Amino acid sequence: MTEPDSESVSSPGDRPGRGLAVAAVSVAAVSFALGVATWLAWLLVRPRLLMGGSYPIVAEVFVLVLGALWFLALLASVLAVVFGLLGGARRYGTDLARLGALLGGLAFVVALAGTVAFTSNPGFSTGQFDVRPGHATLGR
């Protein structure tokens, strides 16, 4: 085994921090995009699907998938914040790690709002869908 040249690695702590910072930014960006796209589907597609009434099982599966995506975005945003902090977000001169941690925090807020919206009003429960012919509306 040979040791790396001193010119290729400036210090042992720089490389892992830089890699964690890049990982934090990329995971946070994906998590934020996933959270925003799930919100768009929740606000635009979900009401039409629930009001359609022709296939209530499809609406229930769609809402469950949206809830799962929010929980996934929530976990990924926490991972991005952890990567950003481990990458050196608190040190001076580590703007990429700080950006990853802050974007991960923003993605966390978006995903947390989605999980709260999903758990408080998922849009399905026993007796909510009135699937009688000619009555394609939501029940009480």
Protein backbone atom coordinates (compact mmCIF):
# COMPACT_ATOMS: atom_id res chain seq x y z
CA MET A 1 0.00 0.00 0.00
CA THR A 2 1.27 3.43 -0.83
CA GLU A 3 0.40 6.71 0.78
CA PRO A 4 -1.12 9.49 -1.34
CA ASP A 5 1.09 12.33 -2.47
CA SER A 6 0.95 15.44 -0.36
CA GLU A 7 0.03 17.54 -3.43
CA SER A 8 -3.10 15.51 -4.24
CA VAL A 9 -4.67 15.81 -0.79
CA SER A 10 -4.21 19.11 1.00
CA SER A 11 -5.48 17.91 4.37
CA PRO A 12 -7.29 14.79 5.56
CA GLY A 13 -10.43 16.68 6.59
CA ASP A 14 -11.04 18.59 3.34
CA ARG A 15 -12.09 15.80 1.03
CA PRO A 16 -14.82 14.13 3.11
CA GLY A 17 -16.29 17.51 4.03
CA ARG A 18 -16.44 18.57 0.41
CA GLY A 19 -18.08 15.29 -0.61
CA LEU A 20 -20.63 15.54 2.19
CA ALA A 21 -21.38 19.12 1.16
CA VAL A 22 -22.04 18.06 -2.42
CA ALA A 23 -24.18 15.18 -1.18
CA ALA A 24 -26.13 17.56 1.06
CA VAL A 25 -26.91 19.93 -1.79
CA SER A 26 -27.93 17.18 -4.19
CA VAL A 27 -30.09 15.29 -1.68
CA ALA A 28 -31.69 18.55 -0.53
CA ALA A 29 -32.46 19.63 -4.10
CA VAL A 30 -34.08 16.29 -4.91
CA SER A 31 -36.02 16.32 -1.65
CA PHE A 32 -37.27 19.86 -2.24
CA ALA A 33 -38.32 19.05 -5.81
CA LEU A 34 -40.10 15.90 -4.62
CA GLY A 35 -41.93 17.82 -1.89
CA VAL A 36 -43.06 20.59 -4.24
CA ALA A 37 -44.15 18.12 -6.94
CA THR A 38 -46.13 16.16 -4.35
CA TRP A 39 -47.82 19.36 -3.17
CA LEU A 40 -48.77 20.16 -6.77
CA ALA A 41 -50.27 16.71 -7.23
CA TRP A 42 -52.08 17.03 -3.90
CA LEU A 43 -53.60 20.40 -4.80
CA LEU A 44 -54.31 19.85 -8.51
CA VAL A 45 -54.96 16.16 -9.14
CA ARG A 46 -56.34 14.91 -5.81
CA PRO A 47 -59.58 16.98 -5.79
CA ARG A 48 -60.47 15.89 -9.33
CA LEU A 49 -59.73 12.27 -8.53
CA LEU A 50 -61.78 12.33 -5.33
CA MET A 51 -64.72 14.08 -6.97
CA GLY A 52 -64.74 11.72 -9.95
CA GLY A 53 -66.12 8.86 -7.88
CA SER A 54 -65.86 6.30 -10.67
CA TYR A 55 -62.83 4.49 -9.24
CA PRO A 56 -62.61 5.17 -5.49
CA ILE A 57 -59.88 2.58 -4.97
CA VAL A 58 -57.64 4.44 -7.44
CA ALA A 59 -58.21 7.66 -5.49
CA GLU A 60 -57.31 5.95 -2.22
CA VAL A 61 -54.13 4.45 -3.69
CA PHE A 62 -53.17 7.82 -5.19
CA VAL A 63 -53.59 9.58 -1.84
CA LEU A 64 -51.58 6.88 -0.07
CA VAL A 65 -48.76 7.19 -2.60
CA LEU A 66 -48.70 10.97 -2.10
CA GLY A 67 -48.47 10.46 1.65
CA ALA A 68 -45.61 8.01 1.20
CA LEU A 69 -43.79 10.48 -1.05
CA TRP A 70 -44.06 13.17 1.63
CA PHE A 71 -42.63 10.86 4.25
CA LEU A 72 -39.82 9.97 1.86
CA ALA A 73 -39.09 13.65 1.21
CA LEU A 74 -39.14 14.25 4.95
CA LEU A 75 -36.52 11.58 5.57
CA ALA A 76 -34.37 12.74 2.66
CA SER A 77 -34.43 16.34 3.87
CA VAL A 78 -33.29 15.28 7.34
CA LEU A 79 -30.48 13.33 5.67
CA ALA A 80 -29.51 16.44 3.69
CA VAL A 81 -29.34 18.54 6.86
CA VAL A 82 -27.20 15.91 8.56
CA PHE A 83 -24.87 15.73 5.54
CA GLY A 84 -24.62 19.51 5.49
CA LEU A 85 -23.76 19.71 9.18
CA LEU A 86 -21.22 16.90 8.89
CA GLY A 87 -19.79 18.56 5.79
CA GLY A 88 -18.97 21.66 7.82
CA ALA A 89 -21.94 24.00 7.56
CA ARG A 90 -20.90 25.64 10.82
CA ARG A 91 -17.33 26.39 9.72
CA TYR A 92 -16.31 29.53 7.89
CA GLY A 93 -15.79 29.15 4.15
CA THR A 94 -17.99 26.11 3.63
CA ASP A 95 -20.76 27.75 1.68
CA LEU A 96 -21.72 24.59 -0.20
CA ALA A 97 -22.33 22.66 3.02
CA ARG A 98 -24.28 25.58 4.45
CA LEU A 99 -26.38 25.77 1.28
CA GLY A 100 -27.10 22.04 1.52
CA ALA A 101 -28.15 22.30 5.16
CA LEU A 102 -30.38 25.34 4.54
CA LEU A 103 -32.00 23.85 1.44
CA GLY A 104 -32.51 20.62 3.39
CA GLY A 105 -34.21 22.65 6.13
CA LEU A 106 -36.49 24.28 3.57
CA ALA A 107 -37.29 20.89 2.06
CA PHE A 108 -38.01 19.63 5.59
CA VAL A 109 -40.55 22.41 6.15
CA VAL A 110 -42.28 21.71 2.82
CA ALA A 111 -42.38 17.95 3.47
CA LEU A 112 -43.51 18.41 7.08
CA ALA A 113 -46.40 20.59 5.96
CA GLY A 114 -47.35 17.89 3.46
CA THR A 115 -47.23 15.10 6.03
CA VAL A 116 -49.38 17.17 8.39
CA ALA A 117 -51.87 17.80 5.56
CA PHE A 118 -51.90 14.10 4.73
CA THR A 119 -52.38 12.88 8.28
CA SER A 120 -55.01 15.46 9.18
CA ASN A 121 -57.13 15.07 6.02
CA PRO A 122 -56.08 12.14 3.84
CA GLY A 123 -59.32 12.23 1.85
CA PHE A 124 -60.44 8.68 2.53
CA SER A 125 -62.06 6.92 5.41
CA THR A 126 -64.96 4.57 5.95
CA GLY A 127 -68.12 6.01 4.47
CA GLN A 128 -66.52 9.00 2.81
CA PHE A 129 -67.08 7.93 -0.78
CA ASP A 130 -70.63 7.67 -2.05
CA VAL A 131 -70.26 5.28 -4.96
CA ARG A 132 -73.90 4.73 -5.79
CA PRO A 133 -74.67 5.16 -9.51
CA GLY A 134 -75.45 8.78 -10.27
CA HIS A 135 -74.04 10.00 -6.95
CA ALA A 136 -70.42 10.71 -7.75
CA THR A 137 -69.85 13.07 -4.83
CA LEU A 138 -68.13 12.87 -1.50
CA GLY A 139 -70.21 11.77 1.45
CA ARG A 140 -70.05 13.15 4.97
